[in-house]
């Protein structure tokens, strides 16, 4: 099975109707998810919460 070529796709130049709505919905959903991710990252990212290591590991035991 070969991959489709742009010349073979009937509505490549002009998307109309249901297909156009689906393409726009996918693009808008991607943008919305990106905005939500950036907002959540800015709000919930705590850079002050560092874990301190009290002991260092000198040797790793081998089984």
N, C-alpha and C. Protein backbone atom coordinates (compact mmCIF):
# COMPACT_ATOMS: atom_id res chain seq x y z
N UNK A 1 0.85 -1.17 0.00
CA UNK A 1 0.00 0.00 0.00
C UNK A 1 0.90 1.24 0.00
N UNK A 2 0.72 2.07 -0.96
CA UNK A 2 1.54 3.28 -1.04
C UNK A 2 0.83 4.44 -0.34
N UNK A 3 1.61 5.43 0.02
CA UNK A 3 1.03 6.59 0.68
C UNK A 3 0.29 7.46 -0.33
N UNK A 4 -0.76 8.17 0.10
CA UNK A 4 -1.50 9.02 -0.83
C UNK A 4 -0.67 10.24 -1.24
N UNK A 5 -0.88 10.65 -2.45
CA UNK A 5 -0.21 11.85 -2.95
C UNK A 5 -1.19 13.01 -2.91
N UNK A 6 -0.66 14.23 -2.81
CA UNK A 6 -1.53 15.39 -2.75
C UNK A 6 -2.35 15.54 -4.03
N UNK A 7 -1.80 15.10 -5.13
CA UNK A 7 -2.53 15.22 -6.39
C UNK A 7 -3.75 14.28 -6.42
N UNK A 8 -3.69 13.22 -5.62
CA UNK A 8 -4.78 12.25 -5.63
C UNK A 8 -5.92 12.62 -4.67
N UNK A 9 -5.67 13.50 -3.75
CA UNK A 9 -6.70 13.89 -2.80
C UNK A 9 -7.64 14.88 -3.48
N UNK A 10 -8.93 14.56 -3.48
CA UNK A 10 -9.91 15.37 -4.22
C UNK A 10 -10.07 16.77 -3.65
N UNK A 11 -10.19 16.88 -2.34
CA UNK A 11 -10.50 18.19 -1.76
C UNK A 11 -9.28 18.82 -1.10
N UNK A 12 -8.11 18.61 -1.65
CA UNK A 12 -6.89 19.17 -1.05
C UNK A 12 -6.91 20.70 -1.08
N UNK A 13 -7.28 21.28 -2.19
CA UNK A 13 -7.25 22.74 -2.31
C UNK A 13 -8.40 23.43 -1.60
N UNK A 14 -9.56 22.79 -1.57
CA UNK A 14 -10.73 23.43 -0.98
C UNK A 14 -11.42 22.47 -0.04
N UNK A 15 -11.20 22.65 1.24
CA UNK A 15 -11.94 21.88 2.23
C UNK A 15 -13.28 22.55 2.42
N UNK A 16 -14.32 21.75 2.44
CA UNK A 16 -15.67 22.30 2.61
C UNK A 16 -16.47 21.42 3.56
N UNK A 17 -17.45 22.02 4.17
CA UNK A 17 -18.42 21.27 4.95
C UNK A 17 -17.86 20.65 6.21
N UNK A 18 -18.22 19.38 6.41
CA UNK A 18 -17.90 18.66 7.64
C UNK A 18 -16.38 18.52 7.84
N UNK A 19 -15.65 18.28 6.78
CA UNK A 19 -14.20 18.12 6.90
C UNK A 19 -13.54 19.40 7.39
N UNK A 20 -14.00 20.53 6.92
CA UNK A 20 -13.44 21.81 7.34
C UNK A 20 -13.71 22.04 8.82
N UNK A 21 -14.90 21.68 9.27
CA UNK A 21 -15.25 21.84 10.68
C UNK A 21 -14.38 20.94 11.56
N UNK A 22 -14.13 19.72 11.09
CA UNK A 22 -13.31 18.79 11.86
C UNK A 22 -11.87 19.30 11.95
N UNK A 23 -11.33 19.79 10.86
CA UNK A 23 -9.96 20.32 10.86
C UNK A 23 -9.86 21.51 11.81
N UNK A 24 -10.81 22.41 11.75
CA UNK A 24 -10.79 23.57 12.65
C UNK A 24 -10.96 23.15 14.11
N UNK A 25 -11.80 22.15 14.36
CA UNK A 25 -11.99 21.67 15.73
C UNK A 25 -10.71 21.05 16.27
N UNK A 26 -9.99 20.30 15.46
CA UNK A 26 -8.74 19.68 15.91
C UNK A 26 -7.69 20.75 16.19
N UNK A 27 -7.60 21.74 15.34
CA UNK A 27 -6.63 22.83 15.55
C UNK A 27 -6.97 23.61 16.81
N UNK A 28 -8.24 23.94 16.99
CA UNK A 28 -8.66 24.68 18.19
C UNK A 28 -8.46 23.86 19.46
N UNK A 29 -8.72 22.56 19.39
CA UNK A 29 -8.51 21.70 20.56
C UNK A 29 -7.03 21.65 20.92
N UNK A 30 -6.16 21.58 19.93
CA UNK A 30 -4.73 21.58 20.19
C UNK A 30 -4.27 22.88 20.83
N UNK A 31 -4.76 23.99 20.31
CA UNK A 31 -4.41 25.28 20.89
C UNK A 31 -4.93 25.42 22.32
N UNK A 32 -6.15 24.97 22.55
CA UNK A 32 -6.75 25.04 23.88
C UNK A 32 -5.96 24.18 24.88
N UNK A 33 -5.57 22.98 24.46
CA UNK A 33 -4.77 22.12 25.34
C UNK A 33 -3.42 22.77 25.65
N UNK A 34 -2.83 23.44 24.67
CA UNK A 34 -1.57 24.13 24.89
C UNK A 34 -1.72 25.27 25.89
N UNK A 35 -2.79 26.02 25.77
CA UNK A 35 -3.03 27.14 26.70
C UNK A 35 -3.26 26.61 28.11
N UNK A 36 -4.04 25.55 28.23
CA UNK A 36 -4.30 24.96 29.56
C UNK A 36 -3.00 24.43 30.16
N UNK A 37 -2.17 23.80 29.35
CA UNK A 37 -0.89 23.28 29.84
C UNK A 37 0.01 24.40 30.34
N UNK A 38 0.14 25.47 29.57
CA UNK A 38 0.99 26.59 29.97
C UNK A 38 0.45 27.23 31.24
N UNK A 39 -0.85 27.41 31.33
CA UNK A 39 -1.46 27.99 32.52
C UNK A 39 -1.20 27.11 33.75
N UNK A 40 -1.43 25.81 33.60
CA UNK A 40 -1.22 24.89 34.73
C UNK A 40 0.25 24.85 35.12
N UNK A 41 1.14 24.90 34.16
CA UNK A 41 2.58 24.89 34.44
C UNK A 41 2.98 26.13 35.23
N UNK A 42 2.46 27.28 34.83
CA UNK A 42 2.81 28.52 35.53
C UNK A 42 2.22 28.55 36.93
N UNK A 43 1.00 28.04 37.11
CA UNK A 43 0.34 28.12 38.41
C UNK A 43 0.88 27.07 39.38
N UNK A 44 1.05 25.84 38.94
CA UNK A 44 1.36 24.74 39.83
C UNK A 44 2.84 24.37 39.90
N UNK A 45 3.68 25.02 39.16
CA UNK A 45 5.11 24.70 39.21
C UNK A 45 5.74 25.39 40.41
N UNK A 46 6.19 24.58 41.36
CA UNK A 46 6.82 25.10 42.56
C UNK A 46 8.32 24.88 42.47
N UNK A 47 9.04 25.90 42.16
CA UNK A 47 10.49 25.77 42.07
C UNK A 47 11.13 25.83 43.45
N UNK A 48 10.39 26.25 44.47
CA UNK A 48 10.92 26.35 45.82
C UNK A 48 10.90 25.01 46.54
N UNK A 49 10.23 24.03 46.01
CA UNK A 49 10.12 22.72 46.63
C UNK A 49 11.28 21.83 46.21
N UNK A 50 12.43 22.05 46.74
CA UNK A 50 13.58 21.22 46.42
C UNK A 50 13.75 20.14 47.48
N UNK A 51 14.07 18.95 47.06
CA UNK A 51 14.34 17.87 47.99
C UNK A 51 15.81 17.91 48.37
N UNK A 52 16.07 17.89 49.65
CA UNK A 52 17.45 17.91 50.10
C UNK A 52 17.92 16.48 50.36
N UNK A 53 19.15 16.21 50.01
CA UNK A 53 19.75 14.90 50.23
C UNK A 53 20.63 15.01 51.46
N UNK A 54 20.31 14.18 52.47
CA UNK A 54 21.04 14.26 53.73
C UNK A 54 22.25 13.34 53.76
N UNK A 55 22.20 12.24 53.02
CA UNK A 55 23.31 11.30 53.01
C UNK A 55 23.75 11.06 51.57
N UNK A 56 25.03 10.86 51.41
CA UNK A 56 25.51 10.54 50.07
C UNK A 56 25.75 9.04 49.98
N UNK A 57 25.65 8.49 48.81
CA UNK A 57 25.86 7.06 48.59
C UNK A 57 27.31 6.87 48.16
N UNK A 58 28.07 6.15 48.97
CA UNK A 58 29.47 5.92 48.64
C UNK A 58 29.64 4.69 47.77
N UNK A 59 28.95 3.60 48.12
CA UNK A 59 29.04 2.37 47.36
C UNK A 59 27.65 1.84 47.06
N UNK A 60 27.49 1.31 45.88
CA UNK A 60 26.24 0.68 45.50
C UNK A 60 26.45 -0.82 45.61
N UNK A 61 25.66 -1.49 46.48
CA UNK A 61 25.87 -2.93 46.64
C UNK A 61 25.49 -3.71 45.38
N UNK A 62 26.32 -4.66 45.05
CA UNK A 62 26.06 -5.52 43.89
C UNK A 62 25.42 -6.81 44.36
N UNK A 63 24.47 -7.31 43.64
CA UNK A 63 23.80 -8.56 44.04
C UNK A 63 24.54 -9.75 43.51
